[in-house]
C-alpha atoms as a PDB file:
ATOM      1  CA  PHE A   1     159.495 168.907 213.737  1.00  0.00           C
ATOM      2  CA  LYS A   2     158.737 169.870 216.589  1.00  0.00           C
ATOM      3  CA  GLY A   3     159.442 173.198 218.621  1.00  0.00           C
ATOM      4  CA  SER A   4     158.244 175.233 221.592  1.00  0.00           C
ATOM      5  CA  SER A   5     157.909 178.880 222.680  1.00  0.00           C
ATOM      6  CA  ILE A   6     157.927 180.634 226.330  1.00  0.00           C
ATOM      7  CA  THR A   7     157.072 184.097 225.703  1.00  0.00           C
ATOM      8  CA  ASN A   8     157.064 186.258 229.111  1.00  0.00           C
ATOM      9  CA  PHE A   9     154.948 189.785 229.370  1.00  0.00           C
ATOM     10  CA  GLU A  10     154.749 192.357 231.012  1.00  0.00           C
ATOM     11  CA  ASN A  11     152.584 196.092 230.910  1.00  0.00           C
ATOM     12  CA  VAL A  12     150.726 195.430 228.435  1.00  0.00           C
ATOM     13  CA  MET A  13     147.756 197.796 227.480  1.00  0.00           C
ATOM     14  CA  ILE A  14     144.795 196.637 225.135  1.00  0.00           C
ATOM     15  CA  ASN A  15     143.235 200.015 224.256  1.00  0.00           C
ATOM     16  CA  ASP A  16     139.380 200.828 222.880  1.00  0.00           C
ATOM     17  CA  PRO A  17     139.247 203.567 220.396  1.00  0.00           C
ATOM     18  CA  ARG A  18     135.530 202.991 221.151  1.00  0.00           C
ATOM     19  CA  ASP A  19     135.100 203.714 224.584  1.00  0.00           C
ATOM     20  CA  GLU A  20     138.803 204.597 225.266  1.00  0.00           C
ATOM     21  CA  GLY A  21     138.761 202.521 227.356  1.00  0.00           C
ATOM     22  CA  GLY A  22     141.188 199.547 228.062  1.00  0.00           C
ATOM     23  CA  MET A  23     143.198 196.580 229.335  1.00  0.00           C
ATOM     24  CA  ARG A  24     145.962 196.562 231.695  1.00  0.00           C
ATOM     25  CA  PHE A  25     147.590 193.370 231.626  1.00  0.00           C
ATOM     26  CA  ASN A  26     151.142 193.436 234.900  1.00  0.00           C
ATOM     27  CA  ARG A  27     152.444 190.481 233.172  1.00  0.00           C
ATOM     28  CA  GLY A  28     152.127 187.567 230.896  1.00  0.00           C
ATOM     29  CA  VAL A  29     153.307 184.254 229.187  1.00  0.00           C
ATOM     30  CA  ALA A  30     152.362 182.632 226.108  1.00  0.00           C
ATOM     31  CA  SER A  31     153.923 179.046 225.670  1.00  0.00           C
ATOM     32  CA  PHE A  32     152.934 176.801 222.706  1.00  0.00           C
ATOM     33  CA  VAL A  33     154.187 173.855 221.188  1.00  0.00           C
ATOM     34  CA  ALA A  34     154.580 173.229 217.435  1.00  0.00           C
ATOM     35  CA  THR A  35     154.837 170.135 215.513  1.00  0.00           C
ATOM     36  CA  ALA A  36     154.135 168.364 211.885  1.00  0.00           C
ATOM     37  CA  ALA A  37     150.190 167.730 213.737  1.00  0.00           C
ATOM     38  CA  GLY A  38     149.802 170.706 215.037  1.00  0.00           C
ATOM     39  CA  VAL A  39     150.196 173.827 217.993  1.00  0.00           C
ATOM     40  CA  VAL A  40     149.443 173.356 221.484  1.00  0.00           C
ATOM     41  CA  ALA A  41     148.812 176.563 223.637  1.00  0.00           C
ATOM     42  CA  LYS A  42     149.744 174.872 227.092  1.00  0.00           C
ATOM     43  CA  ASP A  43     149.352 177.848 228.611  1.00  0.00           C
ATOM     44  CA  VAL A  44     149.010 181.328 227.805  1.00  0.00           C
ATOM     45  CA  ARG A  45     147.567 184.014 230.813  1.00  0.00           C
ATOM     46  CA  ALA A  46     147.228 187.619 230.776  1.00  0.00           C
ATOM     47  CA  ILE A  47     147.488 189.089 234.292  1.00  0.00           C
ATOM     48  CA  GLY A  48     145.915 192.194 235.269  1.00  0.00           C
ATOM     49  CA  GLU A  49     144.512 194.369 238.514  1.00  0.00           C
ATOM     50  CA  GLU A  50     141.523 194.305 237.168  1.00  0.00           C
ATOM     51  CA  ASP A  51     141.420 191.519 234.283  1.00  0.00           C
ATOM     52  CA  ALA A  52     142.769 188.135 233.629  1.00  0.00           C
ATOM     53  CA  ILE A  53     142.614 186.343 231.085  1.00  0.00           C
ATOM     54  CA  LEU A  54     144.050 182.776 230.934  1.00  0.00           C
ATOM     55  CA  ILE A  55     143.868 180.178 227.503  1.00  0.00           C
ATOM     56  CA  ASN A  56     144.538 176.797 226.682  1.00  0.00           C
ATOM     57  CA  GLY A  57     143.968 174.724 223.092  1.00  0.00           C
ATOM     58  CA  PHE A  58     144.820 172.666 220.421  1.00  0.00           C
ATOM     59  CA  ALA A  59     144.576 173.417 216.557  1.00  0.00           C
ATOM     60  CA  THR A  60     145.672 170.179 214.401  1.00  0.00           C
ATOM     61  CA  ALA A  61     147.140 169.812 211.032  1.00  0.00           C
ATOM     62  CA  ALA A  62     144.023 168.523 209.507  1.00  0.00           C
ATOM     63  CA  GLY A  63     141.483 171.804 210.566  1.00  0.00           C
ATOM     64  CA  GLU A  64     140.506 170.690 214.160  1.00  0.00           C
ATOM     65  CA  ALA A  65     140.518 173.163 216.659  1.00  0.00           C
ATOM     66  CA  ALA A  66     139.461 173.535 219.782  1.00  0.00           C
ATOM     67  CA  ALA A  67     140.062 175.943 223.183  1.00  0.00           C
ATOM     68  CA  THR A  68     139.058 177.686 226.225  1.00  0.00           C
ATOM     69  CA  VAL A  69     138.909 180.688 227.558  1.00  0.00           C
ATOM     70  CA  ARG A  70     138.718 182.120 231.313  1.00  0.00           C
ATOM     71  CA  ILE A  71     138.046 185.827 231.337  1.00  0.00           C
ATOM     72  CA  VAL A  72     138.720 186.599 235.078  1.00  0.00           C
ATOM     73  CA  SER A  73     138.013 190.102 235.926  1.00  0.00           C
ATOM     74  CA  SER A  74     136.170 192.352 238.509  1.00  0.00           C
ATOM     75  CA  PRO A  75     132.671 193.128 239.465  1.00  0.00           C
ATOM     76  CA  GLU A  76     132.658 196.003 237.725  1.00  0.00           C
ATOM     77  CA  ARG A  77     135.333 195.175 234.777  1.00  0.00           C
ATOM     78  CA  ALA A  78     132.208 191.860 233.969  1.00  0.00           C
ATOM     79  CA  GLN A  79     129.791 194.206 234.154  1.00  0.00           C
ATOM     80  CA  SER A  80     131.305 196.538 230.847  1.00  0.00           C
ATOM     81  CA  HIS A  81     132.440 192.826 229.456  1.00  0.00           C
ATOM     82  CA  ALA A  82     128.766 191.917 229.438  1.00  0.00           C
ATOM     83  CA  LYS A  83     127.928 194.964 228.508  1.00  0.00           C
ATOM     84  CA  ARG A  84     129.737 195.383 225.144  1.00  0.00           C
ATOM     85  CA  VAL A  85     129.192 191.575 224.196  1.00  0.00           C
ATOM     86  CA  ARG A  86     125.132 192.280 224.526  1.00  0.00           C
ATOM     87  CA  ILE A  87     125.303 195.966 222.403  1.00  0.00           C
ATOM     88  CA  ALA A  88     126.688 193.772 219.251  1.00  0.00           C
ATOM     89  CA  PRO A  89     124.017 192.846 216.496  1.00  0.00           C
ATOM     90  CA  ARG A  90     123.961 189.418 217.803  1.00  0.00           C
ATOM     91  CA  ASN A  91     122.051 187.616 221.126  1.00  0.00           C
ATOM     92  CA  LEU A  92     124.980 187.517 222.368  1.00  0.00           C
ATOM     93  CA  LEU A  93     125.628 186.445 226.270  1.00  0.00           C
ATOM     94  CA  MET A  94     128.710 187.263 228.646  1.00  0.00           C
ATOM     95  CA  ASP A  95     127.483 185.854 232.008  1.00  0.00           C
ATOM     96  CA  PHE A  96     129.891 185.928 234.870  1.00  0.00           C
ATOM     97  CA  GLN A  97     129.936 183.572 237.356  1.00  0.00           C
ATOM     98  CA  PRO A  98     130.908 184.435 240.646  1.00  0.00           C
ATOM     99  CA  LEU A  99     134.736 182.623 241.668  1.00  0.00           C
ATOM    100  CA  ASN A 100     135.183 181.810 245.885  1.00  0.00           C
ATOM    101  CA  THR A 101     136.334 185.276 246.348  1.00  0.00           C
ATOM    102  CA  PRO A 102     133.214 187.996 245.961  1.00  0.00           C
ATOM    103  CA  ASP A 103     136.198 189.983 244.379  1.00  0.00           C
ATOM    104  CA  ARG A 104     135.816 188.758 240.933  1.00  0.00           C
ATOM    105  CA  LEU A 105     133.632 186.721 238.505  1.00  0.00           C
ATOM    106  CA  PHE A 106     134.917 184.909 235.704  1.00  0.00           C
ATOM    107  CA  ARG A 107     133.639 183.452 232.188  1.00  0.00           C
ATOM    108  CA  ASP A 108     134.695 180.791 230.188  1.00  0.00           C
ATOM    109  CA  ILE A 109     134.172 180.883 226.630  1.00  0.00           C
ATOM    110  CA  HIS A 110     134.950 177.210 224.687  1.00  0.00           C
ATOM    111  CA  ILE A 111     136.205 177.839 220.958  1.00  0.00           C
ATOM    112  CA  GLU A 112     135.574 175.069 218.887  1.00  0.00           C
ATOM    113  CA  ALA A 113     135.552 173.703 215.197  1.00  0.00           C
ATOM    114  CA  ARG A 114     132.684 172.677 213.904  1.00  0.00           C
ATOM    115  CA  ASP A 115     132.345 172.050 209.971  1.00  0.00           C
ATOM    116  CA  GLY A 116     135.014 173.679 208.745  1.00  0.00           C
ATOM    117  CA  THR A 117     134.191 177.242 211.137  1.00  0.00           C
ATOM    118  CA  LEU A 118     135.745 178.648 214.435  1.00  0.00           C
ATOM    119  CA  MET A 119     132.448 178.279 216.509  1.00  0.00           C
ATOM    120  CA  MET A 120     131.868 180.300 220.321  1.00  0.00           C
ATOM    121  CA  ASP A 121     129.482 179.556 223.399  1.00  0.00           C
ATOM    122  CA  LEU A 122     128.937 183.780 223.267  1.00  0.00           C
ATOM    123  CA  GLY A 123     125.115 182.550 222.214  1.00  0.00           C
ATOM    124  CA  GLU A 124     122.035 183.601 224.300  1.00  0.00           C
ATOM    125  CA  ASP A 125     122.067 180.507 226.162  1.00  0.00           C
ATOM    126  CA  ARG A 126     125.451 179.259 225.233  1.00  0.00           C
ATOM    127  CA  SER A 127     124.588 178.462 221.973  1.00  0.00           C
ATOM    128  CA  TRP A 128     127.194 178.740 219.197  1.00  0.00           C
ATOM    129  CA  VAL A 129     128.047 181.343 217.155  1.00  0.00           C
ATOM    130  CA  PRO A 130     130.582 182.033 214.258  1.00  0.00           C
ATOM    131  CA  PHE A 131     133.888 183.101 215.760  1.00  0.00           C
ATOM    132  CA  PHE A 132     135.665 185.564 213.784  1.00  0.00           C
ATOM    133  CA  ASP A 133     132.322 187.236 212.530  1.00  0.00           C
ATOM    134  CA  THR A 134     130.874 187.658 216.578  1.00  0.00           C
ATOM    135  CA  ALA A 135     134.464 188.715 217.110  1.00  0.00           C
ATOM    136  CA  GLU A 136     134.602 191.942 214.354  1.00  0.00           C
ATOM    137  CA  GLU A 137     130.927 192.854 216.477  1.00  0.00           C
ATOM    138  CA  VAL A 138     131.782 192.579 219.852  1.00  0.00           C
ATOM    139  CA  LEU A 139     135.400 194.472 219.101  1.00  0.00           C
ATOM    140  CA  GLY A 140     133.003 197.476 217.210  1.00  0.00           C
ATOM    141  CA  GLY A 141     134.101 197.003 213.429  1.00  0.00           C
ATOM    142  CA  GLN A 142     137.779 197.892 214.469  1.00  0.00           C
ATOM    143  CA  ASN A 143     140.587 197.273 212.095  1.00  0.00           C
ATOM    144  CA  THR A 144     140.912 193.178 213.914  1.00  0.00           C
ATOM    145  CA  ASP A 145     142.541 192.143 210.278  1.00  0.00           C
ATOM    146  CA  LEU A 146     141.561 188.050 212.199  1.00  0.00           C
ATOM    147  CA  PRO A 147     142.974 185.276 210.078  1.00  0.00           C
ATOM    148  CA  ASN A 148     141.238 183.144 208.246  1.00  0.00           C
ATOM    149  CA  LEU A 149     141.442 178.903 208.096  1.00  0.00           C
ATOM    150  CA  PRO A 150     142.542 177.498 205.569  1.00  0.00           C
END
């Protein structure tokens, strides 16, 4: 089988009950292709005034997976994101780099399936840490209901 989906959205707000902050996205698109071999996220992007999130990646039926998440933010928002990651219980680091324009910074987060566990390079010196545990810590124990891999 083979299927594909392209979904557009606009005016999406992700609220954070811990600090009553939020990320507002004016527009976005998510493009996926699914086959018996797996799923490919060809292009997932959410674009806002202060933040943008760009994602592509894949997951196979054999358990392989990899993705890159690029976060592009204003310097103020980048500082806020870095602080949120730094205060998590684990030694985490979200160091943003400048883009070609001084009013935007970015951070690429790489996610991979390693030894049957999703990992991401959010540890100090970009070391690999468990994806789901880290996501729960950064989100502050919110009701995340993160899925488990088979």
